[in-house]
């Protein structure tokens, strides 16, 4: 097989695996599912990922997080220097991505892979999503000199709120997702106390 054909076949495997793992999660996807999606025998997958399913899951998750990190950092940079504009831009960008299902990823997928692989992916996810949000929130809270732990908690909460909006079925949303996003950001930034 020529080198370009090998890399094209590998890319098809990675694309199919990323989509299936993203939609169903690690436990609900088999190598047979991925092979069927690509149109090859499942034993042929071992030419592309000799260590099997866990290796494939790690690779496609890292690949997805690299895109997320690049996209989120670029979005924040292009939003200008005001932290609120950066927060809005980050939220809109995150909402425009395919659902991440981080709850499932942390509670189910990470439990099904080796502890070393789970820790590796935890670091990758942190760098891709939480770290850029922490930078924005650190700027927002600069006058308060918040602890790193507080900023990390707020970044995680913000990401969870975005994921919650992303996972809502359309028929549960009154208005648009964009309107819901604005309400969520207002609540996140200003709290629930009546505005004076």
N, C-alpha and C. Protein backbone atom coordinates (compact mmCIF):
# COMPACT_ATOMS: atom_id res chain seq x y z
N UNK A 1 0.85 -1.17 0.00
CA UNK A 1 0.00 0.00 0.00
C UNK A 1 0.89 1.24 0.00
N UNK A 2 0.57 2.19 -0.84
CA UNK A 2 1.36 3.42 -0.91
C UNK A 2 1.19 4.23 0.37
N UNK A 3 2.20 5.07 0.64
CA UNK A 3 2.19 5.87 1.87
C UNK A 3 0.97 6.79 1.94
N UNK A 4 0.60 7.43 0.82
CA UNK A 4 -0.56 8.33 0.84
C UNK A 4 -1.85 7.56 1.07
N UNK A 5 -1.94 6.35 0.53
CA UNK A 5 -3.13 5.52 0.76
C UNK A 5 -3.22 5.10 2.22
N UNK A 6 -2.06 4.78 2.81
CA UNK A 6 -2.02 4.41 4.23
C UNK A 6 -2.50 5.58 5.10
N UNK A 7 -1.99 6.78 4.80
CA UNK A 7 -2.37 7.92 5.62
C UNK A 7 -3.83 8.30 5.40
N UNK A 8 -4.34 8.12 4.19
CA UNK A 8 -5.77 8.38 3.94
C UNK A 8 -6.63 7.37 4.69
N UNK A 9 -6.22 6.11 4.68
CA UNK A 9 -6.97 5.07 5.41
C UNK A 9 -6.92 5.34 6.90
N UNK A 10 -5.77 5.73 7.40
CA UNK A 10 -5.63 6.05 8.83
C UNK A 10 -6.52 7.24 9.19
N UNK A 11 -6.54 8.24 8.34
CA UNK A 11 -7.38 9.42 8.59
C UNK A 11 -8.85 9.03 8.64
N UNK A 12 -9.28 8.14 7.77
CA UNK A 12 -10.68 7.67 7.79
C UNK A 12 -10.98 6.96 9.11
N UNK A 13 -10.04 6.15 9.57
CA UNK A 13 -10.20 5.45 10.85
C UNK A 13 -10.31 6.46 11.99
N UNK A 14 -9.41 7.43 12.02
CA UNK A 14 -9.42 8.43 13.10
C UNK A 14 -10.69 9.26 13.09
N UNK A 15 -11.13 9.65 11.91
CA UNK A 15 -12.36 10.45 11.79
C UNK A 15 -13.57 9.67 12.27
N UNK A 16 -13.67 8.42 11.84
CA UNK A 16 -14.81 7.58 12.26
C UNK A 16 -14.76 7.33 13.76
N UNK A 17 -13.58 7.02 14.29
CA UNK A 17 -13.45 6.76 15.72
C UNK A 17 -13.79 8.00 16.54
N UNK A 18 -13.33 9.14 16.11
CA UNK A 18 -13.62 10.38 16.84
C UNK A 18 -15.12 10.65 16.88
N UNK A 19 -15.78 10.47 15.76
CA UNK A 19 -17.22 10.70 15.71
C UNK A 19 -17.97 9.71 16.59
N UNK A 20 -17.65 8.43 16.47
CA UNK A 20 -18.35 7.41 17.25
C UNK A 20 -18.09 7.54 18.75
N UNK A 21 -16.84 7.73 19.14
CA UNK A 21 -16.53 7.91 20.56
C UNK A 21 -17.22 9.18 21.09
N UNK A 22 -17.23 10.23 20.28
CA UNK A 22 -17.87 11.47 20.69
C UNK A 22 -19.37 11.32 20.88
N UNK A 23 -20.01 10.57 20.01
CA UNK A 23 -21.46 10.39 20.08
C UNK A 23 -21.87 9.39 21.16
N UNK A 24 -21.14 8.28 21.27
CA UNK A 24 -21.58 7.17 22.11
C UNK A 24 -20.77 6.96 23.38
N UNK A 25 -19.53 7.40 23.37
CA UNK A 25 -18.66 7.15 24.51
C UNK A 25 -17.81 5.91 24.30
N UNK A 26 -16.78 5.80 25.11
CA UNK A 26 -15.80 4.72 24.99
C UNK A 26 -16.43 3.34 25.12
N UNK A 27 -17.24 3.14 26.15
CA UNK A 27 -17.80 1.82 26.43
C UNK A 27 -18.77 1.33 25.36
N UNK A 28 -19.44 2.24 24.70
CA UNK A 28 -20.48 1.86 23.75
C UNK A 28 -19.96 1.68 22.32
N UNK A 29 -18.67 1.83 22.12
CA UNK A 29 -18.08 1.70 20.78
C UNK A 29 -17.07 0.56 20.79
N UNK A 30 -17.20 -0.31 19.82
CA UNK A 30 -16.23 -1.40 19.67
C UNK A 30 -15.36 -1.14 18.45
N UNK A 31 -14.26 -1.86 18.36
CA UNK A 31 -13.43 -1.76 17.16
C UNK A 31 -14.21 -2.24 15.94
N UNK A 32 -15.11 -3.19 16.13
CA UNK A 32 -15.96 -3.64 15.02
C UNK A 32 -16.85 -2.51 14.51
N UNK A 33 -17.38 -1.69 15.44
CA UNK A 33 -18.20 -0.54 15.03
C UNK A 33 -17.40 0.42 14.17
N UNK A 34 -16.18 0.70 14.60
CA UNK A 34 -15.33 1.64 13.86
C UNK A 34 -14.96 1.06 12.50
N UNK A 35 -14.60 -0.22 12.49
CA UNK A 35 -14.25 -0.88 11.22
C UNK A 35 -15.44 -0.87 10.26
N UNK A 36 -16.63 -1.15 10.77
CA UNK A 36 -17.83 -1.14 9.92
C UNK A 36 -18.08 0.25 9.35
N UNK A 37 -17.86 1.26 10.16
CA UNK A 37 -18.05 2.65 9.71
C UNK A 37 -17.10 2.99 8.57
N UNK A 38 -15.88 2.47 8.65
CA UNK A 38 -14.86 2.75 7.64
C UNK A 38 -14.97 1.80 6.45
N UNK A 39 -15.59 0.64 6.68
CA UNK A 39 -15.72 -0.35 5.61
C UNK A 39 -14.54 -1.29 5.49
N UNK A 40 -13.94 -1.63 6.64
CA UNK A 40 -12.82 -2.57 6.64
C UNK A 40 -13.08 -3.64 7.70
N UNK A 41 -12.26 -4.70 7.69
CA UNK A 41 -12.35 -5.73 8.73
C UNK A 41 -11.77 -5.17 10.03
N UNK A 42 -12.38 -5.57 11.14
CA UNK A 42 -11.91 -4.99 12.41
C UNK A 42 -10.46 -5.36 12.71
N UNK A 43 -10.00 -6.49 12.22
CA UNK A 43 -8.59 -6.86 12.44
C UNK A 43 -7.65 -5.92 11.70
N UNK A 44 -8.13 -5.29 10.64
CA UNK A 44 -7.31 -4.33 9.89
C UNK A 44 -7.01 -3.07 10.70
N UNK A 45 -7.84 -2.79 11.69
CA UNK A 45 -7.60 -1.60 12.52
C UNK A 45 -6.27 -1.68 13.25
N UNK A 46 -5.83 -2.90 13.54
CA UNK A 46 -4.57 -3.05 14.28
C UNK A 46 -3.35 -2.62 13.47
N UNK A 47 -3.52 -2.47 12.16
CA UNK A 47 -2.43 -1.90 11.35
C UNK A 47 -2.27 -0.41 11.66
N UNK A 48 -3.37 0.23 12.02
CA UNK A 48 -3.37 1.66 12.30
C UNK A 48 -3.15 1.96 13.78
N UNK A 49 -3.67 1.10 14.64
CA UNK A 49 -3.54 1.27 16.10
C UNK A 49 -3.20 -0.08 16.72
N UNK A 50 -1.91 -0.44 16.72
CA UNK A 50 -1.50 -1.77 17.18
C UNK A 50 -1.92 -2.10 18.61
N UNK A 51 -2.06 -1.08 19.48
CA UNK A 51 -2.42 -1.34 20.87
C UNK A 51 -3.93 -1.38 21.10
N UNK A 52 -4.71 -1.14 20.06
CA UNK A 52 -6.15 -1.34 20.16
C UNK A 52 -6.98 -0.12 20.51
N UNK A 53 -8.12 -0.41 21.09
CA UNK A 53 -9.17 0.58 21.32
C UNK A 53 -8.72 1.73 22.22
N UNK A 54 -8.06 1.45 23.32
CA UNK A 54 -7.64 2.52 24.23
C UNK A 54 -6.69 3.48 23.53
N UNK A 55 -5.75 2.94 22.78
CA UNK A 55 -4.80 3.78 22.05
C UNK A 55 -5.55 4.68 21.07
N UNK A 56 -6.53 4.11 20.39
CA UNK A 56 -7.32 4.88 19.42
C UNK A 56 -8.11 5.98 20.13
N UNK A 57 -8.72 5.65 21.26
CA UNK A 57 -9.49 6.63 22.02
C UNK A 57 -8.60 7.79 22.48
N UNK A 58 -7.43 7.47 22.98
CA UNK A 58 -6.50 8.50 23.43
C UNK A 58 -6.11 9.40 22.27
N UNK A 59 -5.76 8.80 21.15
CA UNK A 59 -5.32 9.58 20.00
C UNK A 59 -6.40 10.52 19.48
N UNK A 60 -7.62 10.02 19.34
CA UNK A 60 -8.67 10.88 18.79
C UNK A 60 -9.11 11.94 19.81
N UNK A 61 -9.04 11.62 21.10
CA UNK A 61 -9.39 12.63 22.11
C UNK A 61 -8.33 13.73 22.13
N UNK A 62 -7.07 13.35 22.06
CA UNK A 62 -5.99 14.36 22.01
C UNK A 62 -6.12 15.21 20.76
N UNK A 63 -6.42 14.59 19.67
CA UNK A 63 -6.59 15.32 18.40
C UNK A 63 -7.73 16.33 18.50
N UNK A 64 -8.84 15.89 19.05
CA UNK A 64 -10.00 16.78 19.21
C UNK A 64 -9.66 17.94 20.14
N UNK A 65 -8.98 17.64 21.24
CA UNK A 65 -8.63 18.68 22.20
C UNK A 65 -7.61 19.67 21.63
N UNK A 66 -6.72 19.21 20.76
CA UNK A 66 -5.79 20.14 20.09
C UNK A 66 -6.57 21.15 19.26
N UNK A 67 -7.59 20.68 18.54
CA UNK A 67 -8.43 21.59 17.75
C UNK A 67 -9.18 22.54 18.66
N UNK A 68 -9.71 22.01 19.77
CA UNK A 68 -10.45 22.85 20.71
C UNK A 68 -9.54 23.92 21.31
N UNK A 69 -8.35 23.52 21.72
CA UNK A 69 -7.43 24.48 22.32
C UNK A 69 -7.09 25.59 21.34
N UNK A 70 -6.76 25.22 20.13
CA UNK A 70 -6.43 26.21 19.10
C UNK A 70 -7.62 27.12 18.82
N UNK A 71 -8.80 26.52 18.64
CA UNK A 71 -10.00 27.31 18.34
C UNK A 71 -10.39 28.23 19.47
N UNK A 72 -10.34 27.74 20.70
CA UNK A 72 -10.75 28.55 21.84
C UNK A 72 -9.75 29.69 22.09
N UNK A 73 -8.47 29.39 22.02
CA UNK A 73 -7.47 30.44 22.22
C UNK A 73 -7.56 31.51 21.15
N UNK A 74 -7.75 31.10 19.91
CA UNK A 74 -7.89 32.06 18.81
C UNK A 74 -9.13 32.91 18.99
N UNK A 75 -10.23 32.29 19.38
CA UNK A 75 -11.49 33.01 19.60
C UNK A 75 -11.33 34.06 20.69
N UNK A 76 -10.70 33.68 21.78
CA UNK A 76 -10.49 34.61 22.90
C UNK A 76 -9.58 35.76 22.46
N UNK A 77 -8.54 35.45 21.73
CA UNK A 77 -7.61 36.47 21.25
C UNK A 77 -8.32 37.47 20.32
N UNK A 78 -9.13 36.96 19.41
CA UNK A 78 -9.83 37.81 18.44
C UNK A 78 -10.95 38.63 19.07
N UNK A 79 -11.37 38.27 20.27
CA UNK A 79 -12.47 38.98 20.94
C UNK A 79 -12.03 40.32 21.52
N UNK A 80 -10.75 40.59 21.53
CA UNK A 80 -10.27 41.86 22.08
C UNK A 80 -9.80 41.69 23.51
N UNK A 81 -9.61 42.82 24.18
CA UNK A 81 -9.00 42.79 25.52
C UNK A 81 -10.01 42.79 26.66
N UNK A 82 -11.28 43.02 26.39
CA UNK A 82 -12.28 43.05 27.46
C UNK A 82 -12.70 41.63 27.83
N UNK A 83 -12.59 41.30 29.11
CA UNK A 83 -12.86 39.93 29.55
C UNK A 83 -14.30 39.50 29.27
N UNK A 84 -15.27 40.41 29.36
CA UNK A 84 -16.66 40.02 29.12
C UNK A 84 -16.87 39.66 27.65
N UNK A 85 -16.25 40.40 26.75
CA UNK A 85 -16.32 40.06 25.32
C UNK A 85 -15.64 38.71 25.07
N UNK A 86 -14.53 38.47 25.76
CA UNK A 86 -13.83 37.19 25.62
C UNK A 86 -14.70 36.04 26.12
N UNK A 87 -15.39 36.27 27.24
CA UNK A 87 -16.26 35.24 27.81
C UNK A 87 -17.42 34.92 26.86
N UNK A 88 -18.03 35.95 26.31
CA UNK A 88 -19.12 35.75 25.34
C UNK A 88 -18.62 35.01 24.10
N UNK A 89 -17.47 35.43 23.59
CA UNK A 89 -16.92 34.79 22.39
C UNK A 89 -16.59 33.32 22.66
N UNK A 90 -15.98 33.06 23.81
CA UNK A 90 -15.64 31.68 24.17
C UNK A 90 -16.90 30.83 24.28
N UNK A 91 -17.93 31.37 24.91
CA UNK A 91 -19.19 30.63 25.07
C UNK A 91 -19.81 30.31 23.72
N UNK A 92 -19.84 31.28 22.84
CA UNK A 92 -20.44 31.06 21.51
C UNK A 92 -19.62 30.03 20.72
N UNK A 93 -18.31 30.11 20.82
CA UNK A 93 -17.46 29.16 20.10
C UNK A 93 -17.70 27.75 20.63
N UNK A 94 -17.70 27.61 21.95
CA UNK A 94 -17.91 26.29 22.55
C UNK A 94 -19.27 25.72 22.17
N UNK A 95 -20.29 26.57 22.16
CA UNK A 95 -21.64 26.11 21.83
C UNK A 95 -21.74 25.69 20.36
N UNK A 96 -20.90 26.26 19.51
CA UNK A 96 -20.93 25.92 18.08
C UNK A 96 -20.24 24.59 17.77
N UNK A 97 -19.52 24.04 18.74
CA UNK A 97 -18.81 22.77 18.53
C UNK A 97 -19.76 21.59 18.76
N UNK A 98 -19.42 20.43 18.20
CA UNK A 98 -20.24 19.24 18.50
C UNK A 98 -20.27 19.02 20.02
N UNK A 99 -21.37 18.49 20.55
CA UNK A 99 -21.45 18.27 22.00
C UNK A 99 -20.24 17.50 22.52
N UNK A 100 -19.73 17.94 23.65
CA UNK A 100 -18.51 17.35 24.21
C UNK A 100 -18.80 16.19 25.15
N UNK A 101 -19.92 16.20 25.82
CA UNK A 101 -20.30 15.14 26.76
C UNK A 101 -19.22 14.90 27.82
N UNK A 102 -18.76 15.98 28.43
CA UNK A 102 -17.70 15.85 29.44
C UNK A 102 -18.15 15.08 30.66
N UNK A 103 -19.41 15.20 31.02
CA UNK A 103 -19.91 14.43 32.16
C UNK A 103 -19.72 12.94 31.92
N UNK A 104 -20.15 12.48 30.76
CA UNK A 104 -19.98 11.06 30.41
C UNK A 104 -18.50 10.71 30.32
N UNK A 105 -17.74 11.61 29.73
CA UNK A 105 -16.32 11.35 29.56
C UNK A 105 -15.64 11.15 30.92
N UNK A 106 -15.94 12.02 31.86
CA UNK A 106 -15.29 11.93 33.18
C UNK A 106 -15.84 10.79 34.03
N UNK A 107 -17.14 10.54 33.96
CA UNK A 107 -17.75 9.53 34.83
C UNK A 107 -17.69 8.12 34.25
N UNK A 108 -17.64 7.99 32.94
CA UNK A 108 -17.69 6.66 32.34
C UNK A 108 -16.43 6.34 31.53
N UNK A 109 -16.15 7.17 30.54
CA UNK A 109 -15.03 6.87 29.64
C UNK A 109 -13.70 6.79 30.40
N UNK A 110 -13.43 7.77 31.24
CA UNK A 110 -12.16 7.80 31.96
C UNK A 110 -12.03 6.63 32.94
N UNK A 111 -13.15 6.12 33.41
CA UNK A 111 -13.13 4.97 34.32
C UNK A 111 -12.82 3.67 33.57
N UNK A 112 -13.06 3.67 32.26
CA UNK A 112 -12.90 2.45 31.47
C UNK A 112 -11.50 2.30 30.88
N UNK A 113 -10.70 3.35 30.96
CA UNK A 113 -9.34 3.26 30.42
C UNK A 113 -8.35 3.20 31.59
N UNK A 114 -7.11 2.94 31.28
CA UNK A 114 -6.10 2.81 32.34
C UNK A 114 -5.96 4.13 33.10
N UNK A 115 -5.58 4.06 34.37
CA UNK A 115 -5.39 5.29 35.15
C UNK A 115 -4.37 6.24 34.51
N UNK A 116 -3.32 5.68 33.92
CA UNK A 116 -2.30 6.51 33.27
C UNK A 116 -2.89 7.25 32.07
N UNK A 117 -3.69 6.55 31.28
CA UNK A 117 -4.32 7.18 30.11
C UNK A 117 -5.33 8.24 30.55
N UNK A 118 -6.08 7.94 31.60
CA UNK A 118 -7.07 8.90 32.10
C UNK A 118 -6.39 10.17 32.59
N UNK A 119 -5.28 10.03 33.29
CA UNK A 119 -4.55 11.21 33.78
C UNK A 119 -3.99 12.01 32.61
N UNK A 120 -3.47 11.32 31.62
CA UNK A 120 -2.94 11.98 30.43
C UNK A 120 -4.03 12.81 29.75
N UNK A 121 -5.22 12.23 29.60
CA UNK A 121 -6.32 12.95 28.95
C UNK A 121 -6.87 14.06 29.84
N UNK A 122 -6.85 13.86 31.14
CA UNK A 122 -7.31 14.92 32.05
C UNK A 122 -6.45 16.17 31.86
N UNK A 123 -5.15 15.98 31.72
CA UNK A 123 -4.23 17.10 31.50
C UNK A 123 -4.50 17.75 30.14
N UNK A 124 -4.72 16.94 29.13
CA UNK A 124 -5.00 17.46 27.78
C UNK A 124 -6.28 18.29 27.78
N UNK A 125 -7.33 17.79 28.42
CA UNK A 125 -8.60 18.51 28.49
C UNK A 125 -8.43 19.81 29.28
N UNK A 126 -7.70 19.74 30.37
CA UNK A 126 -7.44 20.95 31.16
C UNK A 126 -6.76 22.02 30.31
N UNK A 127 -5.70 21.65 29.62
CA UNK A 127 -4.96 22.62 28.80
C UNK A 127 -5.82 23.17 27.66
N UNK A 128 -6.65 22.32 27.08
CA UNK A 128 -7.44 22.73 25.92
C UNK A 128 -8.59 23.64 26.28
N UNK A 129 -9.28 23.36 27.37
CA UNK A 129 -10.52 24.07 27.67
C UNK A 129 -10.50 24.88 28.95
N UNK A 130 -10.04 24.31 30.02
CA UNK A 130 -10.10 25.02 31.29
C UNK A 130 -9.04 26.11 31.39
N UNK A 131 -7.85 25.85 30.94
CA UNK A 131 -6.78 26.84 31.04
C UNK A 131 -7.12 28.14 30.31
N UNK A 132 -7.60 28.10 29.05
CA UNK A 132 -7.98 29.35 28.39
C UNK A 132 -9.09 30.10 29.13
N UNK A 133 -10.07 29.36 29.66
CA UNK A 133 -11.15 30.00 30.41
C UNK A 133 -10.64 30.57 31.72
N UNK A 134 -9.71 29.88 32.36
CA UNK A 134 -9.12 30.40 33.59
C UNK A 134 -8.42 31.73 33.35
N UNK A 135 -7.76 31.87 32.21
CA UNK A 135 -7.09 33.14 31.90
C UNK A 135 -8.08 34.29 31.82
N UNK A 136 -9.20 34.04 31.15
CA UNK A 136 -10.25 35.07 31.03
C UNK A 136 -10.79 35.41 32.42
N UNK A 137 -11.09 34.39 33.21
CA UNK A 137 -11.68 34.62 34.53
C UNK A 137 -10.69 35.25 35.50
N UNK A 138 -9.42 34.95 35.37
CA UNK A 138 -8.40 35.60 36.20
C UNK A 138 -8.39 37.10 35.93
N UNK A 139 -8.49 37.47 34.65
CA UNK A 139 -8.56 38.90 34.30
C UNK A 139 -9.84 39.53 34.84
N UNK A 140 -10.94 38.80 34.75
CA UNK A 140 -12.23 39.32 35.22
C UNK A 140 -12.21 39.58 36.72
N UNK A 141 -11.50 38.74 37.44
CA UNK A 141 -11.50 38.82 38.91
C UNK A 141 -10.21 39.44 39.47
N UNK A 142 -9.46 40.12 38.63
CA UNK A 142 -8.14 40.63 39.02
C UNK A 142 -8.17 41.46 40.30
N UNK A 143 -9.20 42.28 40.46
CA UNK A 143 -9.28 43.13 41.66
C UNK A 143 -9.49 42.32 42.93
N UNK A 144 -10.06 41.13 42.79
CA UNK A 144 -10.34 40.29 43.96
C UNK A 144 -9.17 39.38 44.34
N UNK A 145 -8.17 39.28 43.47
CA UNK A 145 -7.04 38.36 43.68
C UNK A 145 -7.53 36.97 44.08
N UNK A 146 -8.30 36.31 43.21
CA UNK A 146 -8.86 35.00 43.56
C UNK A 146 -7.79 33.92 43.61
N UNK A 147 -8.06 32.89 44.39
CA UNK A 147 -7.14 31.75 44.43
C UNK A 147 -7.24 30.99 43.11
N UNK A 148 -6.19 30.26 42.79
CA UNK A 148 -6.19 29.45 41.57
C UNK A 148 -7.32 28.42 41.63
N UNK A 149 -7.57 27.89 42.82
CA UNK A 149 -8.64 26.90 42.97
C UNK A 149 -10.00 27.51 42.64
N UNK A 150 -10.25 28.72 43.11
CA UNK A 150 -11.53 29.38 42.82
C UNK A 150 -11.70 29.61 41.32
N UNK A 151 -10.64 30.07 40.67
CA UNK A 151 -10.70 30.31 39.23
C UNK A 151 -10.94 28.99 38.48
N UNK A 152 -10.29 27.92 38.91
CA UNK A 152 -10.49 26.60 38.28
C UNK A 152 -11.92 26.12 38.45
N UNK A 153 -12.47 26.32 39.63
CA UNK A 153 -13.86 25.91 39.88
C UNK A 153 -14.81 26.71 38.98
N UNK A 154 -14.59 28.01 38.89
CA UNK A 154 -15.44 28.85 38.04
C UNK A 154 -15.33 28.45 36.57
N UNK A 155 -14.13 28.15 36.10
CA UNK A 155 -13.95 27.73 34.71
C UNK A 155 -14.69 26.42 34.45
N UNK A 156 -14.61 25.48 35.39
CA UNK A 156 -15.34 24.22 35.25
C UNK A 156 -16.84 24.42 35.26
N UNK A 157 -17.31 25.31 36.13
CA UNK A 157 -18.75 25.60 36.18
C UNK A 157 -19.21 26.23 34.86
N UNK A 158 -18.43 27.16 34.34
CA UNK A 158 -18.77 27.82 33.08
C UNK A 158 -18.87 26.79 31.96
N UNK A 159 -17.88 25.92 31.88
CA UNK A 159 -17.88 24.88 30.86
C UNK A 159 -19.09 23.95 31.02
N UNK A 160 -19.44 23.62 32.24
CA UNK A 160 -20.60 22.76 32.51
C UNK A 160 -21.90 23.44 32.08
N UNK A 161 -22.01 24.73 32.32
CA UNK A 161 -23.21 25.46 31.90
C UNK A 161 -23.34 25.47 30.37
N UNK A 162 -22.22 25.66 29.68
CA UNK A 162 -22.24 25.62 28.21
C UNK A 162 -22.67 24.24 27.74
N UNK A 163 -22.10 23.21 28.34
CA UNK A 163 -22.46 21.84 27.95
C UNK A 163 -23.94 21.58 28.21
N UNK A 164 -24.46 22.10 29.30
CA UNK A 164 -25.88 21.95 29.59
C UNK A 164 -26.75 22.55 28.51
N UNK A 165 -26.40 23.73 28.04
CA UNK A 165 -27.15 24.37 26.95
C UNK A 165 -27.00 23.56 25.68
N UNK A 166 -25.81 23.09 25.41
CA UNK A 166 -25.54 22.30 24.20
C UNK A 166 -26.37 21.02 24.17
N UNK A 167 -26.56 20.41 25.33
CA UNK A 167 -27.28 19.13 25.39
C UNK A 167 -28.80 19.26 25.43
N UNK A 168 -29.31 20.47 25.57
CA UNK A 168 -30.76 20.66 25.61
C UNK A 168 -31.40 20.36 24.26
N UNK A 169 -32.45 19.55 24.23
CA UNK A 169 -33.17 19.36 22.97
C UNK A 169 -33.83 20.69 22.55
N UNK A 170 -33.92 20.91 21.26
CA UNK A 170 -34.47 22.16 20.73
C UNK A 170 -35.85 22.49 21.29
N UNK A 171 -36.70 21.47 21.49
CA UNK A 171 -38.06 21.75 21.93
C UNK A 171 -38.13 22.23 23.39
N UNK A 172 -37.04 22.18 24.13
CA UNK A 172 -37.01 22.70 25.50
C UNK A 172 -36.57 24.16 25.55
N UNK A 173 -36.14 24.69 24.43
CA UNK A 173 -35.59 26.05 24.42
C UNK A 173 -36.63 27.04 23.94
N UNK A 174 -36.90 28.03 24.78
CA UNK A 174 -37.78 29.14 24.38
C UNK A 174 -36.86 30.23 23.85
N UNK A 175 -37.13 30.69 22.66
CA UNK A 175 -36.23 31.65 22.03
C UNK A 175 -35.12 30.88 21.33
N UNK A 176 -33.92 31.40 21.41
CA UNK A 176 -32.79 30.76 20.72
C UNK A 176 -31.72 30.34 21.73
N UNK A 177 -30.81 29.50 21.29
CA UNK A 177 -29.69 29.11 22.15
C UNK A 177 -28.83 30.34 22.47
N UNK A 178 -28.75 31.25 21.53
CA UNK A 178 -27.98 32.47 21.75
C UNK A 178 -28.58 33.31 22.88
N UNK A 179 -29.91 33.42 22.91
CA UNK A 179 -30.58 34.14 24.01
C UNK A 179 -30.33 33.42 25.34
N UNK A 180 -30.44 32.11 25.31
CA UNK A 180 -30.19 31.32 26.52
C UNK A 180 -28.75 31.50 27.00
N UNK A 181 -27.84 31.54 26.05
CA UNK A 181 -26.43 31.76 26.36
C UNK A 181 -26.22 33.11 27.04
N UNK A 182 -26.88 34.15 26.52
CA UNK A 182 -26.76 35.49 27.12
C UNK A 182 -27.29 35.51 28.55
N UNK A 183 -28.42 34.84 28.79
CA UNK A 183 -28.98 34.76 30.14
C UNK A 183 -28.01 34.02 31.06
N UNK A 184 -27.44 32.92 30.57
CA UNK A 184 -26.50 32.14 31.36
C UNK A 184 -25.27 32.96 31.72
N UNK A 185 -24.73 33.69 30.76
CA UNK A 185 -23.54 34.50 31.04
C UNK A 185 -23.87 35.62 32.02
N UNK A 186 -25.03 36.25 31.85
CA UNK A 186 -25.45 37.30 32.78
C UNK A 186 -25.56 36.74 34.20
N UNK A 187 -26.16 35.57 34.33
CA UNK A 187 -26.30 34.93 35.64
C UNK A 187 -24.92 34.57 36.20
N UNK A 188 -24.06 34.05 35.36
CA UNK A 188 -22.72 33.66 35.78
C UNK A 188 -21.92 34.87 36.26
N UNK A 189 -22.04 35.98 35.52
CA UNK A 189 -21.26 37.17 35.83
C UNK A 189 -21.87 37.99 36.98
N UNK A 190 -23.19 38.17 36.94
CA UNK A 190 -23.85 39.08 37.89
C UNK A 190 -24.58 38.40 39.03
N UNK A 191 -24.77 37.11 38.95
CA UNK A 191 -25.49 36.40 40.00
C UNK A 191 -26.99 36.59 39.87
N UNK A 192 -27.71 36.12 40.86
CA UNK A 192 -29.16 36.11 40.80
C UNK A 192 -29.78 37.31 41.54
N UNK A 193 -28.96 38.07 42.25
CA UNK A 193 -29.47 39.22 43.00
C UNK A 193 -30.09 40.23 42.04
N UNK A 194 -31.17 40.90 42.46
CA UNK A 194 -31.78 41.92 41.60
C UNK A 194 -30.78 43.03 41.27
N UNK A 195 -30.80 43.47 40.02
CA UNK A 195 -29.92 44.55 39.59
C UNK A 195 -30.46 45.88 40.09
N UNK A 196 -29.60 46.76 40.57
CA UNK A 196 -30.03 48.07 41.08
C UNK A 196 -29.93 49.11 40.00
